[in-house]
């Protein structure tokens, strides 16, 4: 099902590729800590709250997403903007990629 690889950054993490060839790294708690889509050069890294919800996303080309009380703040080299929680919904990452549950999730400019 998945091609498992040796993780390079931590002895307690595991890296593998899904059926599409995306590279995924999970930590000892089985949370996805890094994701690279097979058709993108950039990779995404994730931080989580104790409850397992995503609190920040960093992309290797300088984009940053941070969870704040009212929703998300998105920053890149040229601009920054905020997206209300009502618009973005929840942000999740699984073996098939990054997903949002809100109708306005596209405002986050995440690959879905």
C-alpha atoms as a PDB file:
ATOM      1  CA  UNK A   1       0.000   0.000   0.000  1.00  0.00           C
ATOM      2  CA  UNK A   2       2.702   2.518   0.969  1.00  0.00           C
ATOM      3  CA  UNK A   3       6.391   2.611   0.257  1.00  0.00           C
ATOM      4  CA  UNK A   4       8.095   3.107   3.614  1.00  0.00           C
ATOM      5  CA  UNK A   5      11.367   5.006   3.815  1.00  0.00           C
ATOM      6  CA  UNK A   6      13.834   5.737   6.555  1.00  0.00           C
ATOM      7  CA  UNK A   7      13.168   9.145   8.077  1.00  0.00           C
ATOM      8  CA  UNK A   8      16.125  11.472   8.021  1.00  0.00           C
ATOM      9  CA  UNK A   9      15.380  13.940  10.805  1.00  0.00           C
ATOM     10  CA  UNK A  10      14.314  11.931  13.833  1.00  0.00           C
ATOM     11  CA  UNK A  11      14.782   8.313  14.845  1.00  0.00           C
ATOM     12  CA  UNK A  12      11.189   8.327  16.129  1.00  0.00           C
ATOM     13  CA  UNK A  13       9.660   9.432  12.830  1.00  0.00           C
ATOM     14  CA  UNK A  14       8.705   7.438   9.777  1.00  0.00           C
ATOM     15  CA  UNK A  15       8.505   8.587   6.165  1.00  0.00           C
ATOM     16  CA  UNK A  16       6.636   6.933   3.337  1.00  0.00           C
ATOM     17  CA  UNK A  17       4.996   7.650   0.000  1.00  0.00           C
ATOM     18  CA  UNK A  18       1.307   7.294  -0.708  1.00  0.00           C
ATOM     19  CA  UNK A  19      -0.133   5.861  -3.939  1.00  0.00           C
ATOM     20  CA  UNK A  20       0.243   9.215  -5.725  1.00  0.00           C
ATOM     21  CA  UNK A  21       3.915   9.451  -4.737  1.00  0.00           C
ATOM     22  CA  UNK A  22       3.466  12.217  -2.144  1.00  0.00           C
ATOM     23  CA  UNK A  23       6.080  12.021   0.634  1.00  0.00           C
ATOM     24  CA  UNK A  24       4.690  11.973   4.190  1.00  0.00           C
ATOM     25  CA  UNK A  25       6.546  12.023   7.512  1.00  0.00           C
ATOM     26  CA  UNK A  26       4.867  11.113  10.796  1.00  0.00           C
ATOM     27  CA  UNK A  27       6.195  11.564  14.329  1.00  0.00           C
ATOM     28  CA  UNK A  28       6.099   9.081  17.215  1.00  0.00           C
ATOM     29  CA  UNK A  29       2.520  10.219  17.959  1.00  0.00           C
ATOM     30  CA  UNK A  30       1.518   9.375  14.357  1.00  0.00           C
ATOM     31  CA  UNK A  31       0.897  13.045  13.511  1.00  0.00           C
ATOM     32  CA  UNK A  32       1.951  14.170  10.052  1.00  0.00           C
ATOM     33  CA  UNK A  33       4.871  16.555  10.534  1.00  0.00           C
ATOM     34  CA  UNK A  34       5.881  16.995   6.885  1.00  0.00           C
ATOM     35  CA  UNK A  35       4.137  16.598   3.538  1.00  0.00           C
ATOM     36  CA  UNK A  36       5.454  17.002   0.007  1.00  0.00           C
ATOM     37  CA  UNK A  37       3.100  16.642  -2.928  1.00  0.00           C
ATOM     38  CA  UNK A  38       4.679  14.635  -5.738  1.00  0.00           C
ATOM     39  CA  UNK A  39       3.960  17.397  -8.261  1.00  0.00           C
ATOM     40  CA  UNK A  40       5.339  20.286  -6.114  1.00  0.00           C
ATOM     41  CA  UNK A  41       8.907  21.215  -5.216  1.00  0.00           C
ATOM     42  CA  UNK A  42       7.909  22.734  -1.865  1.00  0.00           C
ATOM     43  CA  UNK A  43       7.210  20.768   1.282  1.00  0.00           C
ATOM     44  CA  UNK A  44       4.906  21.615   4.167  1.00  0.00           C
ATOM     45  CA  UNK A  45       5.666  21.178   7.871  1.00  0.00           C
ATOM     46  CA  UNK A  46       3.024  21.154  10.607  1.00  0.00           C
ATOM     47  CA  UNK A  47       2.721  21.925  14.315  1.00  0.00           C
ATOM     48  CA  UNK A  48      -0.158  20.790  16.501  1.00  0.00           C
ATOM     49  CA  UNK A  49      -1.999  21.647  19.720  1.00  0.00           C
ATOM     50  CA  UNK A  50      -2.220  19.013  22.436  1.00  0.00           C
ATOM     51  CA  UNK A  51      -5.715  18.136  21.190  1.00  0.00           C
ATOM     52  CA  UNK A  52      -4.273  17.244  17.770  1.00  0.00           C
ATOM     53  CA  UNK A  53      -5.510  20.280  15.837  1.00  0.00           C
ATOM     54  CA  UNK A  54      -3.149  21.950  13.365  1.00  0.00           C
ATOM     55  CA  UNK A  55      -1.821  25.272  14.719  1.00  0.00           C
ATOM     56  CA  UNK A  56       0.754  26.231  12.120  1.00  0.00           C
ATOM     57  CA  UNK A  57       1.911  25.300   8.659  1.00  0.00           C
ATOM     58  CA  UNK A  58       5.211  26.354   7.107  1.00  0.00           C
ATOM     59  CA  UNK A  59       6.027  25.866   3.453  1.00  0.00           C
ATOM     60  CA  UNK A  60       9.637  25.559   2.348  1.00  0.00           C
ATOM     61  CA  UNK A  61       9.380  28.548  -0.016  1.00  0.00           C
ATOM     62  CA  UNK A  62       8.540  31.007   2.767  1.00  0.00           C
ATOM     63  CA  UNK A  63       4.768  30.814   3.153  1.00  0.00           C
ATOM     64  CA  UNK A  64       3.425  30.601   6.728  1.00  0.00           C
ATOM     65  CA  UNK A  65      -0.032  29.841   8.121  1.00  0.00           C
ATOM     66  CA  UNK A  66      -0.708  30.495  11.829  1.00  0.00           C
ATOM     67  CA  UNK A  67      -3.830  29.665  13.788  1.00  0.00           C
ATOM     68  CA  UNK A  68      -5.096  32.608  15.859  1.00  0.00           C
ATOM     69  CA  UNK A  69      -8.200  33.022  18.023  1.00  0.00           C
ATOM     70  CA  UNK A  70     -10.300  34.362  15.150  1.00  0.00           C
ATOM     71  CA  UNK A  71      -9.083  32.030  12.382  1.00  0.00           C
ATOM     72  CA  UNK A  72      -5.812  31.974  10.414  1.00  0.00           C
ATOM     73  CA  UNK A  73      -3.119  34.473   9.423  1.00  0.00           C
ATOM     74  CA  UNK A  74      -1.358  33.762   6.131  1.00  0.00           C
ATOM     75  CA  UNK A  75       2.004  35.349   5.259  1.00  0.00           C
ATOM     76  CA  UNK A  76       4.324  35.145   2.304  1.00  0.00           C
ATOM     77  CA  UNK A  77       7.153  37.384   1.058  1.00  0.00           C
ATOM     78  CA  UNK A  78       4.822  39.973  -0.443  1.00  0.00           C
ATOM     79  CA  UNK A  79       1.627  39.985   1.547  1.00  0.00           C
ATOM     80  CA  UNK A  80      -0.268  38.850   4.603  1.00  0.00           C
ATOM     81  CA  UNK A  81      -3.966  38.401   5.251  1.00  0.00           C
ATOM     82  CA  UNK A  82      -6.336  36.839   7.718  1.00  0.00           C
ATOM     83  CA  UNK A  83      -9.108  34.334   7.148  1.00  0.00           C
ATOM     84  CA  UNK A  84     -11.958  34.048   9.625  1.00  0.00           C
ATOM     85  CA  UNK A  85     -12.645  30.669  11.173  1.00  0.00           C
ATOM     86  CA  UNK A  86     -16.203  30.830   9.828  1.00  0.00           C
ATOM     87  CA  UNK A  87     -14.723  30.922   6.324  1.00  0.00           C
ATOM     88  CA  UNK A  88     -11.803  28.518   6.673  1.00  0.00           C
ATOM     89  CA  UNK A  89     -13.398  25.908   8.900  1.00  0.00           C
ATOM     90  CA  UNK A  90     -10.992  23.339  10.291  1.00  0.00           C
ATOM     91  CA  UNK A  91      -7.632  22.668   8.671  1.00  0.00           C
ATOM     92  CA  UNK A  92      -6.562  19.025   8.597  1.00  0.00           C
ATOM     93  CA  UNK A  93      -3.796  16.974   7.019  1.00  0.00           C
ATOM     94  CA  UNK A  94      -3.971  13.273   6.205  1.00  0.00           C
ATOM     95  CA  UNK A  95      -2.350  10.857   3.763  1.00  0.00           C
ATOM     96  CA  UNK A  96      -4.161  12.475   0.834  1.00  0.00           C
ATOM     97  CA  UNK A  97      -3.060  16.051   1.621  1.00  0.00           C
ATOM     98  CA  UNK A  98      -4.150  19.251   3.333  1.00  0.00           C
ATOM     99  CA  UNK A  99      -7.898  19.891   3.641  1.00  0.00           C
ATOM    100  CA  UNK A 100     -10.211  22.587   4.973  1.00  0.00           C
ATOM    101  CA  UNK A 101     -13.832  22.133   5.973  1.00  0.00           C
ATOM    102  CA  UNK A 102     -15.089  25.678   5.397  1.00  0.00           C
ATOM    103  CA  UNK A 103     -16.791  27.004   2.288  1.00  0.00           C
ATOM    104  CA  UNK A 104     -14.152  29.749   2.096  1.00  0.00           C
ATOM    105  CA  UNK A 105     -11.163  27.494   2.657  1.00  0.00           C
ATOM    106  CA  UNK A 106      -9.681  28.580  -0.674  1.00  0.00           C
ATOM    107  CA  UNK A 107      -8.898  31.957   0.963  1.00  0.00           C
ATOM    108  CA  UNK A 108      -6.089  30.191   2.824  1.00  0.00           C
ATOM    109  CA  UNK A 109      -4.320  29.463  -0.501  1.00  0.00           C
ATOM    110  CA  UNK A 110      -3.511  25.904   0.581  1.00  0.00           C
ATOM    111  CA  UNK A 111      -3.311  23.088  -1.968  1.00  0.00           C
ATOM    112  CA  UNK A 112      -6.476  21.009  -1.755  1.00  0.00           C
END
